[in-house]
Amino acid sequence: MTAETTSSNPMPMQRPRLRRSDVPNYLACKHGIDIAVSTLAKMATVGGGPAMQYSGRIPLYHVQDLDTWAEERLSKAVRSTSERSLVGKQCLSDQR
């Protein structure tokens, strides 16, 4: 095995686009975000998931789109739970 692979997933993470079944492992390893394949499939139907492209009938997720989507889902860093509520309120007031 090379440095680009892991024992639990021998697939190299250097591919520019990932199949839906590979996305949960990528997001967990790179961003610490756990998500099920079924949740991605649901989001592909109703919206709210990462951008995707199709190769025939196969949905493919570009790694940059996954990184962008993951960063958008994460809050700003806080040092206490009280800061978390202030960040949310501040974002709401910024939108007005």
Protein backbone atom coordinates (compact mmCIF):
# COMPACT_ATOMS: atom_id res chain seq x y z
CA MET A 1 0.00 0.00 0.00
CA THR A 2 1.09 3.54 -0.70
CA ALA A 3 0.78 6.61 1.49
CA GLU A 4 -2.27 7.60 -0.54
CA THR A 5 -4.30 4.60 0.56
CA THR A 6 -5.59 3.28 3.87
CA SER A 7 -6.06 -0.25 5.13
CA SER A 8 -9.82 0.23 5.52
CA ASN A 9 -10.18 1.72 2.04
CA PRO A 10 -7.55 0.76 -0.53
CA MET A 11 -8.93 3.33 -2.99
CA PRO A 12 -6.60 6.27 -3.58
CA MET A 13 -8.21 9.62 -2.78
CA GLN A 14 -6.60 11.32 -5.78
CA ARG A 15 -9.55 10.84 -8.14
CA PRO A 16 -11.09 14.19 -9.17
CA ARG A 17 -14.65 12.83 -8.92
CA LEU A 18 -16.06 10.24 -6.55
CA ARG A 19 -19.01 7.90 -6.88
CA ARG A 20 -21.77 8.35 -4.32
CA SER A 21 -20.69 5.21 -2.44
CA ASP A 22 -17.20 6.70 -1.95
CA VAL A 23 -18.36 10.10 -0.68
CA PRO A 24 -19.13 9.13 2.96
CA ASN A 25 -15.60 7.80 3.49
CA TYR A 26 -14.06 10.89 1.90
CA LEU A 27 -16.13 13.31 4.01
CA ALA A 28 -15.42 11.35 7.20
CA CYS A 29 -11.67 11.16 6.58
CA LYS A 30 -11.13 14.70 5.28
CA HIS A 31 -13.73 16.71 7.23
CA GLY A 32 -14.94 14.47 10.06
CA ILE A 33 -18.49 14.61 8.69
CA ASP A 34 -20.44 11.35 8.86
CA ILE A 35 -23.16 10.97 6.25
CA ALA A 36 -24.92 7.92 4.84
CA VAL A 37 -25.14 7.06 1.16
CA SER A 38 -28.94 7.05 1.53
CA THR A 39 -28.82 10.62 2.89
CA LEU A 40 -26.80 11.73 -0.13
CA ALA A 41 -29.33 10.03 -2.41
CA LYS A 42 -32.20 11.80 -0.64
CA MET A 43 -30.41 15.16 -0.87
CA ALA A 44 -29.86 14.56 -4.58
CA THR A 45 -33.65 14.34 -4.90
CA VAL A 46 -34.83 17.13 -2.59
CA GLY A 47 -31.78 19.42 -2.60
CA GLY A 48 -29.33 20.53 0.04
CA GLY A 49 -26.52 18.15 -0.87
CA PRO A 50 -23.23 18.72 -2.63
CA ALA A 51 -23.19 19.55 -6.34
CA MET A 52 -22.89 16.56 -8.65
CA GLN A 53 -22.38 15.70 -12.28
CA TYR A 54 -23.55 12.66 -14.18
CA SER A 55 -21.65 10.20 -16.28
CA GLY A 56 -24.57 8.49 -17.94
CA ARG A 57 -26.80 7.55 -15.02
CA ILE A 58 -24.01 7.53 -12.43
CA PRO A 59 -23.79 10.58 -10.14
CA LEU A 60 -20.26 11.82 -9.59
CA TYR A 61 -19.16 14.32 -6.95
CA HIS A 62 -16.17 16.54 -7.67
CA VAL A 63 -13.79 16.63 -4.70
CA GLN A 64 -13.72 20.47 -4.71
CA ASP A 65 -17.55 20.55 -4.56
CA LEU A 66 -17.50 18.13 -1.61
CA ASP A 67 -14.94 20.28 0.20
CA THR A 68 -16.98 23.43 -0.42
CA TRP A 69 -20.20 21.77 0.75
CA ALA A 70 -18.53 20.41 3.88
CA GLU A 71 -17.08 23.82 4.79
CA GLU A 72 -20.50 25.44 4.32
CA ARG A 73 -22.06 22.93 6.73
CA LEU A 74 -19.54 23.59 9.48
CA SER A 75 -20.03 26.49 11.89
CA LYS A 76 -17.31 28.96 12.77
CA ALA A 77 -15.01 27.83 15.57
CA VAL A 78 -16.32 28.68 19.05
CA ARG A 79 -14.88 28.26 22.53
CA SER A 80 -18.20 27.70 24.34
CA THR A 81 -21.80 26.78 23.59
CA SER A 82 -22.90 30.34 24.40
CA GLU A 83 -20.71 31.64 21.56
CA ARG A 84 -22.47 29.26 19.20
CA SER A 85 -25.84 30.92 19.75
CA LEU A 86 -24.27 34.36 19.29
CA VAL A 87 -22.73 33.32 15.97
CA GLY A 88 -26.16 32.19 14.72
CA LYS A 89 -27.86 35.41 15.82
CA GLN A 90 -25.12 37.51 14.28
CA CYS A 91 -25.51 35.71 10.95
CA LEU A 92 -29.26 36.36 11.00
CA SER A 93 -28.76 40.08 11.65
CA ASP A 94 -26.15 40.25 8.86
CA GLN A 95 -28.73 38.95 6.37
CA ARG A 96 -31.20 41.79 7.08
